[in-house]
Amino acid sequence: MTNLTCKDLMLPDQVILHPEDTVSKAFHLMRGEGMRFLPVVHDDGSYVGVFTSPTLIRLLLPRAVTINLGGKDAHKGLNDLKFYNMNRESFAEALKEIKDSPVKDHLSDPRNIPVAPPETPIMEGILLLHTYKRHVILVDPANNQFVGVLSINSSLRNIFDDVDEL
């Protein structure tokens, strides 16, 4: 019996973005596929990063909320936006400003995205899923090639679909 790896339980046919793809394209793919994140990969298959739905939300916030003024004890931006009112037209204007922006300019912080080799034992992959509370990106360490994504659902589906006693 062969031990399972992350590659054995990864999502089939992962939808990806390219660095120059727009925020608008990312939104439409996420919405159409029901996804919360998309890996960003160069044409040669090398891994760049991840674009997420929380990034879309962050892009709608005023810069004063998301700015980090630096320093350990520095102010991290506004914490209250009760005074900041928006209507549909305001959101439409905000979206116009970002929709053609390339996703490469809005990737998630790599410290928040777990990356592992595809041959990582599945228990280590499950620990990464639990620790980060998000998908694990599988990248070949020899050549930085994107291989796939291990998700909580793909793991559970693959593990429990073969178990009759549950």
Protein backbone atom coordinates (compact mmCIF):
# COMPACT_ATOMS: atom_id res chain seq x y z
CA MET A 1 0.00 0.00 0.00
CA THR A 2 1.41 3.38 -1.08
CA ASN A 3 1.36 6.35 1.27
CA LEU A 4 -0.76 9.26 0.05
CA THR A 5 0.80 12.58 -0.94
CA CYS A 6 -0.70 16.02 -1.44
CA LYS A 7 -0.58 15.46 -5.21
CA ASP A 8 -2.77 12.36 -4.82
CA LEU A 9 -5.58 14.41 -3.22
CA MET A 10 -5.22 17.74 -5.04
CA LEU A 11 -8.05 19.43 -6.92
CA PRO A 12 -8.45 18.28 -10.51
CA ASP A 13 -8.27 20.93 -13.25
CA GLN A 14 -7.42 24.01 -11.18
CA VAL A 15 -8.40 27.30 -12.84
CA ILE A 16 -5.44 29.72 -12.95
CA LEU A 17 -4.66 33.33 -13.78
CA HIS A 18 -1.67 34.85 -15.52
CA PRO A 19 0.13 37.88 -14.02
CA GLU A 20 -1.23 40.31 -16.64
CA ASP A 21 -4.84 39.12 -16.31
CA THR A 22 -7.09 41.83 -14.94
CA VAL A 23 -8.90 42.11 -11.64
CA SER A 24 -12.11 42.04 -13.69
CA LYS A 25 -11.17 38.68 -15.25
CA ALA A 26 -10.27 37.33 -11.81
CA PHE A 27 -13.63 38.42 -10.41
CA HIS A 28 -15.56 36.81 -13.26
CA LEU A 29 -13.62 33.55 -12.99
CA MET A 30 -14.06 33.44 -9.22
CA ARG A 31 -17.75 34.18 -9.47
CA GLY A 32 -18.35 31.76 -12.35
CA GLU A 33 -16.37 28.92 -10.77
CA GLY A 34 -17.47 29.63 -7.19
CA MET A 35 -13.86 30.01 -6.07
CA ARG A 36 -12.34 32.20 -3.37
CA PHE A 37 -8.80 32.21 -4.76
CA LEU A 38 -6.88 31.64 -7.98
CA PRO A 39 -3.23 30.71 -8.39
CA VAL A 40 -1.27 33.07 -10.63
CA VAL A 41 1.13 31.32 -13.01
CA HIS A 42 3.45 32.50 -15.80
CA ASP A 43 2.92 31.13 -19.33
CA ASP A 44 5.77 28.66 -18.72
CA GLY A 45 3.90 27.24 -15.70
CA SER A 46 6.06 28.82 -13.03
CA TYR A 47 4.26 29.85 -9.86
CA VAL A 48 3.88 33.59 -9.13
CA GLY A 49 1.38 33.84 -6.25
CA VAL A 50 -2.31 33.83 -5.38
CA PHE A 51 -5.14 36.28 -6.00
CA THR A 52 -7.98 35.95 -3.45
CA SER A 53 -11.53 37.16 -2.90
CA PRO A 54 -10.46 38.97 0.31
CA THR A 55 -8.14 40.94 -1.97
CA LEU A 56 -11.17 42.06 -3.97
CA ILE A 57 -12.77 43.30 -0.77
CA ARG A 58 -9.56 45.07 0.27
CA LEU A 59 -9.41 46.82 -3.10
CA LEU A 60 -12.80 48.40 -2.40
CA LEU A 61 -11.68 49.89 0.90
CA PRO A 62 -10.35 53.45 1.06
CA ARG A 63 -6.55 53.59 1.04
CA ALA A 64 -6.55 55.15 4.54
CA VAL A 65 -7.92 51.85 5.88
CA THR A 66 -5.37 49.58 4.24
CA ILE A 67 -2.26 51.75 4.52
CA ASN A 68 0.47 50.67 6.87
CA LEU A 69 2.46 53.67 8.01
CA GLY A 70 5.34 51.50 9.21
CA GLY A 71 6.98 50.88 12.53
CA LYS A 72 6.11 48.37 15.21
CA ASP A 73 3.62 50.57 17.05
CA ALA A 74 2.56 52.67 14.07
CA HIS A 75 -1.05 53.43 13.23
CA LYS A 76 -2.39 50.76 10.86
CA GLY A 77 -5.01 52.94 9.16
CA LEU A 78 -8.60 53.72 10.00
CA ASN A 79 -10.58 51.22 12.05
CA ASP A 80 -14.04 52.76 11.71
CA LEU A 81 -15.84 53.68 8.50
CA LYS A 82 -19.30 54.58 9.82
CA PHE A 83 -18.82 58.07 8.39
CA TYR A 84 -17.92 56.75 4.92
CA ASN A 85 -21.12 56.24 2.94
CA MET A 86 -21.30 54.49 -0.40
CA ASN A 87 -24.09 54.03 -2.92
CA ARG A 88 -24.15 51.81 -6.01
CA GLU A 89 -22.70 54.59 -8.18
CA SER A 90 -19.81 55.03 -5.73
CA PHE A 91 -19.03 51.32 -5.89
CA ALA A 92 -19.24 51.41 -9.69
CA GLU A 93 -16.68 54.24 -9.73
CA ALA A 94 -14.39 52.39 -7.33
CA LEU A 95 -14.60 49.26 -9.48
CA LYS A 96 -13.80 51.25 -12.65
CA GLU A 97 -10.53 52.32 -11.05
CA ILE A 98 -9.35 48.76 -10.34
CA LYS A 99 -11.01 46.50 -12.92
CA ASP A 100 -8.25 46.79 -15.54
CA SER A 101 -5.43 46.52 -13.01
CA PRO A 102 -3.26 43.38 -13.46
CA VAL A 103 -3.60 40.75 -10.74
CA LYS A 104 0.19 40.67 -10.32
CA ASP A 105 -0.16 44.02 -8.54
CA HIS A 106 -2.59 42.58 -5.98
CA LEU A 107 -1.27 39.18 -4.93
CA SER A 108 -1.81 37.89 -1.41
CA ASP A 109 1.03 38.15 1.06
CA PRO A 110 3.12 35.00 0.41
CA ARG A 111 3.59 34.54 4.18
CA ASN A 112 -0.16 33.77 4.34
CA ILE A 113 -0.17 31.19 1.54
CA PRO A 114 1.14 27.70 2.30
CA VAL A 115 3.26 26.25 -0.49
CA ALA A 116 4.49 22.65 -0.48
CA PRO A 117 6.11 20.19 -2.87
CA PRO A 118 3.56 17.87 -4.54
CA GLU A 119 5.15 14.79 -2.92
CA THR A 120 4.54 16.14 0.60
CA PRO A 121 2.97 13.41 2.77
CA ILE A 122 -0.78 13.98 3.07
CA MET A 123 -0.71 14.33 6.87
CA GLU A 124 1.71 17.26 6.53
CA GLY A 125 -0.62 18.73 3.90
CA ILE A 126 -3.60 18.32 6.23
CA LEU A 127 -1.64 20.05 8.98
CA LEU A 128 -0.95 22.97 6.59
CA LEU A 129 -4.67 23.14 5.73
CA HIS A 130 -5.51 23.25 9.42
CA THR A 131 -2.78 25.75 10.35
CA TYR A 132 -3.40 28.26 7.55
CA LYS A 133 -7.16 27.67 7.14
CA ARG A 134 -6.70 27.89 3.36
CA HIS A 135 -5.64 25.85 0.35
CA VAL A 136 -2.09 24.57 -0.04
CA ILE A 137 -0.38 25.49 -3.31
CA LEU A 138 1.67 22.61 -4.72
CA VAL A 139 4.85 23.76 -6.44
CA ASP A 140 7.73 21.63 -7.70
CA PRO A 141 10.76 22.92 -5.76
CA ALA A 142 13.17 21.86 -8.52
CA ASN A 143 11.77 24.28 -11.12
CA ASN A 144 9.07 26.40 -9.38
CA GLN A 145 6.39 24.83 -11.60
CA PHE A 146 2.82 25.08 -10.36
CA VAL A 147 1.43 21.55 -9.96
CA GLY A 148 -1.95 22.03 -8.33
CA VAL A 149 -3.89 22.84 -5.19
CA LEU A 150 -4.73 20.80 -2.12
CA SER A 151 -8.02 21.98 -0.64
CA ILE A 152 -9.91 20.97 2.45
CA ASN A 153 -12.80 19.72 0.29
CA SER A 154 -10.59 17.76 -2.13
CA SER A 155 -8.85 16.12 0.83
CA LEU A 156 -12.06 15.22 2.65
CA ARG A 157 -13.77 14.02 -0.52
CA ASN A 158 -10.85 11.79 -1.49
CA ILE A 159 -10.35 10.41 2.02
CA PHE A 160 -13.98 9.88 3.09
CA ASP A 161 -15.54 8.82 -0.22
CA ASP A 162 -13.83 5.42 0.17
CA VAL A 163 -14.86 4.98 3.81
CA ASP A 164 -18.11 3.06 4.33
CA GLU A 165 -18.32 3.37 8.12
CA LEU A 166 -18.83 7.14 8.32
